[in-house]
Amino acid sequence: MNLTLLWHFVRQDFIDRYSGIALGRFWLLLAPMLQIIIFVVVFGGLIGPRLPGAESSPYGYGIYLVSGILPWTAFANTITRMTTVFFNKRGILGKVPLSLAMVAAHVAIVEGITLACTLGLFTIFALWLAEPLPSALFVLPLLIVCQQLMGFTLGLIGAILMVFLRDIREMTGVVVMLWFWMVPIVYTIDSVPHSLQAIQPYNPAWWFVREYHQIFAYGAMPDMGGILLLLAGSLIAAWLIVLLLSRAERQIRDAL
């Protein structure tokens, strides 16, 4: 994989996203900052419930809410954007023999960088509210890599399927929307029926959202063994789907 070309795709993605906008890439930070303020101050501090296990902080629920929404947004964006990446870039792929895996991977990297920036802002804002600094911040880069590898794998499956079935784009949007409500982000795991609690071990998004909650909402050390296992599983799954992509590359290019 040509890393220089991959970085060019990443850089161009950011340029295209804010092209022609007066404030440009400033929106990369402004929009998430407004979202963080609304969720933490309004939903958390003013009208939100007290978070079990963090009753001492008036912003506990807001911190819980944002620490789940930010990674979920990056994860969901990775899947939905990657699902259409081959179709959107079919003009380039038809003329230049680019690596399909690289074209798809740049989306996961862009969303991962965006998540890292927003989590940095979130940490600064939490400190400004006099929230204690999480002791496990050093785990965040590994956690971001894990979730983005998972999003890359699922998004690449969607991208391959969409080449042959255009309905996948709409189906992905519906699935992601429903999936959001199956993950304890707006609610806590203890506040839902046992039937919903019982399926969480089979919910891939819960594997990483739970660890973000541990770090930010509860100030606890996440399960490092679970994170390393998640990383290993995500790497294997990503390798397998890239292998499948290489086997089906000719059919994909013909269909595009």
C-alpha atoms as a PDB file:
ATOM      1  CA  MET A   1       0.000   0.000   0.000  1.00  0.00           C
ATOM      2  CA  ASN A   2       1.375   3.415  -1.000  1.00  0.00           C
ATOM      3  CA  LEU A   3       1.370   5.392   2.261  1.00  0.00           C
ATOM      4  CA  THR A   4       2.101   8.683   0.492  1.00  0.00           C
ATOM      5  CA  LEU A   5      -0.935   8.231  -1.744  1.00  0.00           C
ATOM      6  CA  LEU A   6      -3.037   7.139   1.228  1.00  0.00           C
ATOM      7  CA  TRP A   7      -2.126  10.325   3.105  1.00  0.00           C
ATOM      8  CA  HIS A   8      -2.995  12.329  -0.016  1.00  0.00           C
ATOM      9  CA  PHE A   9      -6.499  10.820   0.049  1.00  0.00           C
ATOM     10  CA  VAL A  10      -6.822  11.635   3.753  1.00  0.00           C
ATOM     11  CA  ARG A  11      -5.655  15.223   3.263  1.00  0.00           C
ATOM     12  CA  GLN A  12      -7.865  15.712   0.206  1.00  0.00           C
ATOM     13  CA  ASP A  13     -10.880  14.434   2.130  1.00  0.00           C
ATOM     14  CA  PHE A  14     -10.472  17.196   4.712  1.00  0.00           C
ATOM     15  CA  ILE A  15      -9.888  19.788   1.965  1.00  0.00           C
ATOM     16  CA  ASP A  16     -12.981  18.731  -0.011  1.00  0.00           C
ATOM     17  CA  ARG A  17     -15.161  18.647   3.100  1.00  0.00           C
ATOM     18  CA  TYR A  18     -14.594  22.325   3.892  1.00  0.00           C
ATOM     19  CA  SER A  19     -13.905  23.649   0.412  1.00  0.00           C
ATOM     20  CA  GLY A  20     -15.631  26.992  -0.274  1.00  0.00           C
ATOM     21  CA  ILE A  21     -16.603  27.506   3.388  1.00  0.00           C
ATOM     22  CA  ALA A  22     -15.467  30.803   4.911  1.00  0.00           C
ATOM     23  CA  LEU A  23     -14.311  29.326   8.227  1.00  0.00           C
ATOM     24  CA  GLY A  24     -12.873  26.268   6.494  1.00  0.00           C
ATOM     25  CA  ARG A  25     -11.419  23.556   8.698  1.00  0.00           C
ATOM     26  CA  PHE A  26     -12.290  25.584  11.799  1.00  0.00           C
ATOM     27  CA  TRP A  27     -15.653  23.815  11.571  1.00  0.00           C
ATOM     28  CA  LEU A  28     -13.838  20.567  12.326  1.00  0.00           C
ATOM     29  CA  LEU A  29     -13.552  21.817  15.908  1.00  0.00           C
ATOM     30  CA  LEU A  30     -16.429  24.297  16.170  1.00  0.00           C
ATOM     31  CA  ALA A  31     -19.281  21.916  15.376  1.00  0.00           C
ATOM     32  CA  PRO A  32     -18.165  19.199  17.851  1.00  0.00           C
ATOM     33  CA  MET A  33     -17.526  21.841  20.512  1.00  0.00           C
ATOM     34  CA  LEU A  34     -21.089  23.128  20.232  1.00  0.00           C
ATOM     35  CA  GLN A  35     -22.382  19.567  20.387  1.00  0.00           C
ATOM     36  CA  ILE A  36     -20.314  18.875  23.512  1.00  0.00           C
ATOM     37  CA  ILE A  37     -21.547  22.035  25.244  1.00  0.00           C
ATOM     38  CA  ILE A  38     -25.188  21.252  24.467  1.00  0.00           C
ATOM     39  CA  PHE A  39     -25.027  17.655  25.672  1.00  0.00           C
ATOM     40  CA  VAL A  40     -22.893  18.231  28.759  1.00  0.00           C
ATOM     41  CA  VAL A  41     -24.329  21.527  30.011  1.00  0.00           C
ATOM     42  CA  VAL A  42     -27.955  21.342  28.851  1.00  0.00           C
ATOM     43  CA  PHE A  43     -28.764  17.625  28.921  1.00  0.00           C
ATOM     44  CA  GLY A  44     -26.262  16.780  31.643  1.00  0.00           C
ATOM     45  CA  GLY A  45     -26.119  19.746  33.992  1.00  0.00           C
ATOM     46  CA  LEU A  46     -29.607  21.220  33.605  1.00  0.00           C
ATOM     47  CA  ILE A  47     -32.178  18.597  32.670  1.00  0.00           C
ATOM     48  CA  GLY A  48     -30.291  15.329  32.720  1.00  0.00           C
ATOM     49  CA  PRO A  49     -30.599  12.663  35.437  1.00  0.00           C
ATOM     50  CA  ARG A  50     -27.834  11.885  37.895  1.00  0.00           C
ATOM     51  CA  LEU A  51     -25.531   9.143  36.676  1.00  0.00           C
ATOM     52  CA  PRO A  52     -25.406   6.104  38.979  1.00  0.00           C
ATOM     53  CA  GLY A  53     -21.882   5.750  40.302  1.00  0.00           C
ATOM     54  CA  ALA A  54     -21.049   9.410  39.609  1.00  0.00           C
ATOM     55  CA  GLU A  55     -23.603  11.217  41.758  1.00  0.00           C
ATOM     56  CA  SER A  56     -21.048  13.756  43.003  1.00  0.00           C
ATOM     57  CA  SER A  57     -20.806  15.444  39.616  1.00  0.00           C
ATOM     58  CA  PRO A  58     -23.760  17.467  38.288  1.00  0.00           C
ATOM     59  CA  TYR A  59     -22.425  16.860  34.766  1.00  0.00           C
ATOM     60  CA  GLY A  60     -21.982  13.115  35.170  1.00  0.00           C
ATOM     61  CA  TYR A  61     -24.768  12.163  32.797  1.00  0.00           C
ATOM     62  CA  GLY A  62     -23.624  14.698  30.189  1.00  0.00           C
ATOM     63  CA  ILE A  63     -20.087  13.287  30.332  1.00  0.00           C
ATOM     64  CA  TYR A  64     -21.531   9.782  29.982  1.00  0.00           C
ATOM     65  CA  LEU A  65     -23.651  10.859  27.025  1.00  0.00           C
ATOM     66  CA  VAL A  66     -20.871  12.614  25.097  1.00  0.00           C
ATOM     67  CA  SER A  67     -18.271   9.917  25.779  1.00  0.00           C
ATOM     68  CA  GLY A  68     -20.569   7.466  24.003  1.00  0.00           C
ATOM     69  CA  ILE A  69     -21.898   9.692  21.215  1.00  0.00           C
ATOM     70  CA  LEU A  70     -18.503  10.906  19.956  1.00  0.00           C
ATOM     71  CA  PRO A  71     -16.999   7.447  19.282  1.00  0.00           C
ATOM     72  CA  TRP A  72     -20.325   6.154  17.981  1.00  0.00           C
ATOM     73  CA  THR A  73     -20.516   9.045  15.495  1.00  0.00           C
ATOM     74  CA  ALA A  74     -17.046   8.253  14.142  1.00  0.00           C
ATOM     75  CA  PHE A  75     -17.894   4.538  13.965  1.00  0.00           C
ATOM     76  CA  ALA A  76     -21.233   5.119  12.213  1.00  0.00           C
ATOM     77  CA  ASN A  77     -19.731   7.664   9.785  1.00  0.00           C
ATOM     78  CA  THR A  78     -16.990   5.201   8.909  1.00  0.00           C
ATOM     79  CA  ILE A  79     -19.494   2.493   8.021  1.00  0.00           C
ATOM     80  CA  THR A  80     -21.923   4.692   6.078  1.00  0.00           C
ATOM     81  CA  ARG A  81     -19.234   6.607   4.159  1.00  0.00           C
ATOM     82  CA  MET A  82     -17.257   3.490   3.312  1.00  0.00           C
ATOM     83  CA  THR A  83     -20.370   1.742   2.044  1.00  0.00           C
ATOM     84  CA  THR A  84     -20.567   4.233  -0.836  1.00  0.00           C
ATOM     85  CA  VAL A  85     -16.836   4.900  -1.338  1.00  0.00           C
ATOM     86  CA  PHE A  86     -16.327   2.623  -4.384  1.00  0.00           C
ATOM     87  CA  PHE A  87     -19.502   3.882  -6.009  1.00  0.00           C
ATOM     88  CA  ASN A  88     -18.613   7.541  -5.362  1.00  0.00           C
ATOM     89  CA  LYS A  89     -15.090   7.140  -6.709  1.00  0.00           C
ATOM     90  CA  ARG A  90     -15.957   4.909  -9.641  1.00  0.00           C
ATOM     91  CA  GLY A  91     -14.780   7.593 -12.069  1.00  0.00           C
ATOM     92  CA  ILE A  92     -11.263   7.531 -10.624  1.00  0.00           C
ATOM     93  CA  LEU A  93     -11.178   3.771 -10.123  1.00  0.00           C
ATOM     94  CA  GLY A  94     -12.132   3.245 -13.761  1.00  0.00           C
ATOM     95  CA  LYS A  95      -9.154   5.267 -14.987  1.00  0.00           C
ATOM     96  CA  VAL A  96      -6.401   4.717 -12.392  1.00  0.00           C
ATOM     97  CA  PRO A  97      -5.412   1.286 -10.992  1.00  0.00           C
ATOM     98  CA  LEU A  98      -5.661   2.342  -7.351  1.00  0.00           C
ATOM     99  CA  SER A  99      -5.784  -0.113  -4.478  1.00  0.00           C
ATOM    100  CA  LEU A 100      -9.430  -0.575  -3.491  1.00  0.00           C
ATOM    101  CA  ALA A 101      -8.453  -1.250   0.108  1.00  0.00           C
ATOM    102  CA  MET A 102      -6.498   2.023   0.252  1.00  0.00           C
ATOM    103  CA  VAL A 103      -9.380   4.017  -1.208  1.00  0.00           C
ATOM    104  CA  ALA A 104     -11.636   2.600   1.498  1.00  0.00           C
ATOM    105  CA  ALA A 105      -9.087   2.853   4.335  1.00  0.00           C
ATOM    106  CA  HIS A 106      -8.727   6.620   4.005  1.00  0.00           C
ATOM    107  CA  VAL A 107     -12.314   7.060   5.250  1.00  0.00           C
ATOM    108  CA  ALA A 108     -11.593   5.156   8.480  1.00  0.00           C
ATOM    109  CA  ILE A 109      -8.420   7.216   9.006  1.00  0.00           C
ATOM    110  CA  VAL A 110     -10.219  10.529   8.430  1.00  0.00           C
ATOM    111  CA  GLU A 111     -12.951   9.645  10.903  1.00  0.00           C
ATOM    112  CA  GLY A 112     -10.355   8.392  13.378  1.00  0.00           C
ATOM    113  CA  ILE A 113      -8.437  11.681  13.204  1.00  0.00           C
ATOM    114  CA  THR A 114     -11.681  13.604  13.632  1.00  0.00           C
ATOM    115  CA  LEU A 115     -12.557  11.499  16.690  1.00  0.00           C
ATOM    116  CA  ALA A 116      -9.119  12.102  18.231  1.00  0.00           C
ATOM    117  CA  CYS A 117      -9.585  15.867  17.824  1.00  0.00           C
ATOM    118  CA  THR A 118     -13.084  15.864  19.309  1.00  0.00           C
ATOM    119  CA  LEU A 119     -12.040  13.692  22.264  1.00  0.00           C
ATOM    120  CA  GLY A 120      -9.201  16.134  22.916  1.00  0.00           C
ATOM    121  CA  LEU A 121     -11.689  19.006  22.979  1.00  0.00           C
ATOM    122  CA  PHE A 122     -13.994  16.995  25.193  1.00  0.00           C
ATOM    123  CA  THR A 123     -11.189  16.349  27.690  1.00  0.00           C
ATOM    124  CA  ILE A 124     -10.278  20.048  27.830  1.00  0.00           C
ATOM    125  CA  PHE A 125     -13.939  20.999  28.315  1.00  0.00           C
ATOM    126  CA  ALA A 126     -14.351  18.434  31.100  1.00  0.00           C
ATOM    127  CA  LEU A 127     -11.314  19.876  32.876  1.00  0.00           C
ATOM    128  CA  TRP A 128     -12.800  23.362  32.522  1.00  0.00           C
ATOM    129  CA  LEU A 129     -15.894  22.067  34.326  1.00  0.00           C
ATOM    130  CA  ALA A 130     -13.559  20.929  37.134  1.00  0.00           C
ATOM    131  CA  GLU A 131     -14.118  17.274  36.287  1.00  0.00           C
ATOM    132  CA  PRO A 132     -11.241  15.007  37.381  1.00  0.00           C
ATOM    133  CA  LEU A 133      -8.765  14.122  34.647  1.00  0.00           C
ATOM    134  CA  PRO A 134      -9.259  10.485  33.618  1.00  0.00           C
ATOM    135  CA  SER A 135      -6.200   8.427  34.537  1.00  0.00           C
ATOM    136  CA  ALA A 136      -6.573   6.146  31.514  1.00  0.00           C
ATOM    137  CA  LEU A 137      -6.304   8.729  28.723  1.00  0.00           C
ATOM    138  CA  PHE A 138      -3.245   6.901  27.383  1.00  0.00           C
ATOM    139  CA  VAL A 139      -5.552   4.036  26.342  1.00  0.00           C
ATOM    140  CA  LEU A 140      -7.557   6.250  23.962  1.00  0.00           C
ATOM    141  CA  PRO A 141      -5.293   5.884  20.864  1.00  0.00           C
ATOM    142  CA  LEU A 142      -5.504   2.093  21.122  1.00  0.00           C
ATOM    143  CA  LEU A 143      -9.260   2.262  21.624  1.00  0.00           C
ATOM    144  CA  ILE A 144      -9.687   4.531  18.585  1.00  0.00           C
ATOM    145  CA  VAL A 145      -7.641   2.119  16.458  1.00  0.00           C
ATOM    146  CA  CYS A 146      -9.778  -0.818  17.643  1.00  0.00           C
ATOM    147  CA  GLN A 147     -13.112   0.794  16.844  1.00  0.00           C
ATOM    148  CA  GLN A 148     -11.939   2.162  13.496  1.00  0.00           C
ATOM    149  CA  LEU A 149     -10.615  -1.239  12.444  1.00  0.00           C
ATOM    150  CA  MET A 150     -14.032  -2.652  13.298  1.00  0.00           C
ATOM    151  CA  GLY A 151     -15.753   0.139  11.364  1.00  0.00           C
ATOM    152  CA  PHE A 152     -13.366  -0.416   8.442  1.00  0.00           C
ATOM    153  CA  THR A 153     -14.259  -4.108   8.306  1.00  0.00           C
ATOM    154  CA  LEU A 154     -18.025  -3.542   8.403  1.00  0.00           C
ATOM    155  CA  GLY A 155     -17.835  -0.582   6.012  1.00  0.00           C
ATOM    156  CA  LEU A 156     -15.766  -2.568   3.522  1.00  0.00           C
ATOM    157  CA  ILE A 157     -18.331  -5.360   3.567  1.00  0.00           C
ATOM    158  CA  GLY A 158     -20.991  -2.771   2.775  1.00  0.00           C
ATOM    159  CA  ALA A 159     -18.847  -1.238   0.007  1.00  0.00           C
ATOM    160  CA  ILE A 160     -18.384  -4.617  -1.689  1.00  0.00           C
ATOM    161  CA  LEU A 161     -22.066  -5.476  -1.459  1.00  0.00           C
ATOM    162  CA  MET A 162     -23.188  -2.071  -2.731  1.00  0.00           C
ATOM    163  CA  VAL A 163     -21.271  -2.525  -5.969  1.00  0.00           C
ATOM    164  CA  PHE A 164     -23.697  -5.322  -6.817  1.00  0.00           C
ATOM    165  CA  LEU A 165     -26.777  -4.174  -4.882  1.00  0.00           C
ATOM    166  CA  ARG A 166     -27.504  -0.433  -4.688  1.00  0.00           C
ATOM    167  CA  ASP A 167     -30.108  -0.887  -1.946  1.00  0.00           C
ATOM    168  CA  ILE A 168     -27.279  -1.526   0.521  1.00  0.00           C
ATOM    169  CA  ARG A 169     -26.802   2.241   0.953  1.00  0.00           C
ATOM    170  CA  GLU A 170     -30.347   2.742   2.249  1.00  0.00           C
ATOM    171  CA  MET A 171     -30.249  -0.468   4.257  1.00  0.00           C
ATOM    172  CA  THR A 172     -27.025   0.629   5.960  1.00  0.00           C
ATOM    173  CA  GLY A 173     -28.562   3.939   7.013  1.00  0.00           C
ATOM    174  CA  VAL A 174     -31.544   2.185   8.584  1.00  0.00           C
ATOM    175  CA  VAL A 175     -29.412  -0.442  10.335  1.00  0.00           C
ATOM    176  CA  VAL A 176     -27.039   2.175  11.772  1.00  0.00           C
ATOM    177  CA  MET A 177     -29.965   4.270  13.027  1.00  0.00           C
ATOM    178  CA  LEU A 178     -31.565   1.291  14.785  1.00  0.00           C
ATOM    179  CA  TRP A 179     -28.199   0.073  16.045  1.00  0.00           C
ATOM    180  CA  PHE A 180     -27.617   3.358  17.873  1.00  0.00           C
ATOM    181  CA  TRP A 181     -30.578   2.678  20.146  1.00  0.00           C
ATOM    182  CA  MET A 182     -29.370  -0.846  20.860  1.00  0.00           C
ATOM    183  CA  VAL A 183     -26.170   0.500  22.436  1.00  0.00           C
ATOM    184  CA  PRO A 184     -26.268   1.963  25.996  1.00  0.00           C
ATOM    185  CA  ILE A 185     -25.320   5.504  25.003  1.00  0.00           C
ATOM    186  CA  VAL A 186     -28.390   7.585  25.887  1.00  0.00           C
ATOM    187  CA  TYR A 187     -29.324   5.196  28.684  1.00  0.00           C
ATOM    188  CA  THR A 188     -27.236   3.179  31.155  1.00  0.00           C
ATOM    189  CA  ILE A 189     -26.953  -0.578  30.932  1.00  0.00           C
ATOM    190  CA  ASP A 190     -28.571  -1.037  34.356  1.00  0.00           C
ATOM    191  CA  SER A 191     -31.702   0.907  33.389  1.00  0.00           C
ATOM    192  CA  VAL A 192     -32.917  -1.452  30.658  1.00  0.00           C
ATOM    193  CA  PRO A 193     -34.607  -4.869  30.805  1.00  0.00           C
ATOM    194  CA  HIS A 194     -32.394  -7.910  31.343  1.00  0.00           C
ATOM    195  CA  SER A 195     -33.206  -9.117  27.834  1.00  0.00           C
ATOM    196  CA  LEU A 196     -31.442  -6.065  26.363  1.00  0.00           C
ATOM    197  CA  GLN A 197     -28.572  -6.379  28.825  1.00  0.00           C
ATOM    198  CA  ALA A 198     -28.108 -10.016  27.847  1.00  0.00           C
ATOM    199  CA  ILE A 199     -27.483  -9.243  24.159  1.00  0.00           C
ATOM    200  CA  GLN A 200     -24.802  -6.600  24.767  1.00  0.00           C
ATOM    201  CA  PRO A 201     -21.907  -9.105  24.710  1.00  0.00           C
ATOM    202  CA  TYR A 202     -22.936  -9.812  21.111  1.00  0.00           C
ATOM    203  CA  ASN A 203     -23.135  -6.106  20.235  1.00  0.00           C
ATOM    204  CA  PRO A 204     -19.776  -5.037  18.685  1.00  0.00           C
ATOM    205  CA  ALA A 205     -20.380  -1.336  19.368  1.00  0.00           C
ATOM    206  CA  TRP A 206     -20.858  -2.008  23.072  1.00  0.00           C
ATOM    207  CA  TRP A 207     -17.361  -3.507  23.222  1.00  0.00           C
ATOM    208  CA  PHE A 208     -15.751  -0.096  22.727  1.00  0.00           C
ATOM    209  CA  VAL A 209     -18.483   2.291  23.967  1.00  0.00           C
ATOM    210  CA  ARG A 210     -18.304   0.595  27.380  1.00  0.00           C
ATOM    211  CA  GLU A 211     -14.581   1.355  27.614  1.00  0.00           C
ATOM    212  CA  TYR A 212     -15.053   5.050  26.738  1.00  0.00           C
ATOM    213  CA  HIS A 213     -17.658   5.251  29.499  1.00  0.00           C
ATOM    214  CA  GLN A 214     -15.224   3.664  31.948  1.00  0.00           C
ATOM    215  CA  ILE A 215     -12.549   6.234  31.111  1.00  0.00           C
ATOM    216  CA  PHE A 216     -14.584   9.445  30.976  1.00  0.00           C
ATOM    217  CA  ALA A 217     -17.776   8.898  32.958  1.00  0.00           C
ATOM    218  CA  TYR A 218     -16.422   6.773  35.803  1.00  0.00           C
ATOM    219  CA  GLY A 219     -12.717   7.676  35.760  1.00  0.00           C
ATOM    220  CA  ALA A 220     -11.838   3.981  35.876  1.00  0.00           C
ATOM    221  CA  MET A 221      -9.258   1.918  34.051  1.00  0.00           C
ATOM    222  CA  PRO A 222     -10.833   0.046  31.130  1.00  0.00           C
ATOM    223  CA  ASP A 223     -10.459  -3.683  30.645  1.00  0.00           C
ATOM    224  CA  MET A 224      -7.039  -3.842  28.952  1.00  0.00           C
ATOM    225  CA  GLY A 225      -7.341  -7.562  28.325  1.00  0.00           C
ATOM    226  CA  GLY A 226     -10.652  -7.002  26.576  1.00  0.00           C
ATOM    227  CA  ILE A 227      -9.222  -4.125  24.513  1.00  0.00           C
ATOM    228  CA  LEU A 228      -6.230  -6.210  23.379  1.00  0.00           C
ATOM    229  CA  LEU A 229      -8.570  -9.063  22.489  1.00  0.00           C
ATOM    230  CA  LEU A 230     -10.745  -6.598  20.576  1.00  0.00           C
ATOM    231  CA  LEU A 231      -7.674  -5.315  18.736  1.00  0.00           C
ATOM    232  CA  ALA A 232      -6.597  -8.819  17.762  1.00  0.00           C
ATOM    233  CA  GLY A 233     -10.089  -9.740  16.582  1.00  0.00           C
ATOM    234  CA  SER A 234     -10.433  -6.481  14.624  1.00  0.00           C
ATOM    235  CA  LEU A 235      -7.067  -7.019  12.913  1.00  0.00           C
ATOM    236  CA  ILE A 236      -7.979 -10.562  11.907  1.00  0.00           C
ATOM    237  CA  ALA A 237     -11.415  -9.496  10.638  1.00  0.00           C
ATOM    238  CA  ALA A 238      -9.905  -6.572   8.667  1.00  0.00           C
ATOM    239  CA  TRP A 239      -7.263  -8.862   7.137  1.00  0.00           C
ATOM    240  CA  LEU A 240      -9.900 -11.394   6.080  1.00  0.00           C
ATOM    241  CA  ILE A 241     -12.141  -8.797   4.417  1.00  0.00           C
ATOM    242  CA  VAL A 242      -9.154  -7.231   2.603  1.00  0.00           C
ATOM    243  CA  LEU A 243      -8.239 -10.727   1.382  1.00  0.00           C
ATOM    244  CA  LEU A 244     -11.813 -11.193   0.143  1.00  0.00           C
ATOM    245  CA  LEU A 245     -11.626  -7.810  -1.570  1.00  0.00           C
ATOM    246  CA  SER A 246      -8.455  -8.788  -3.419  1.00  0.00           C
ATOM    247  CA  ARG A 247     -10.125 -11.989  -4.629  1.00  0.00           C
ATOM    248  CA  ALA A 248     -13.188 -10.093  -5.889  1.00  0.00           C
ATOM    249  CA  GLU A 249     -11.367  -7.008  -7.205  1.00  0.00           C
ATOM    250  CA  ARG A 250     -11.810  -7.846 -10.910  1.00  0.00           C
ATOM    251  CA  GLN A 251     -15.555  -8.415 -10.524  1.00  0.00           C
ATOM    252  CA  ILE A 252     -15.895  -5.211  -8.523  1.00  0.00           C
ATOM    253  CA  ARG A 253     -14.075  -3.109 -11.121  1.00  0.00           C
ATOM    254  CA  ASP A 254     -16.160  -4.655 -13.913  1.00  0.00           C
ATOM    255  CA  ALA A 255     -19.391  -3.912 -12.023  1.00  0.00           C
ATOM    256  CA  LEU A 256     -18.362  -0.287 -11.403  1.00  0.00           C
END
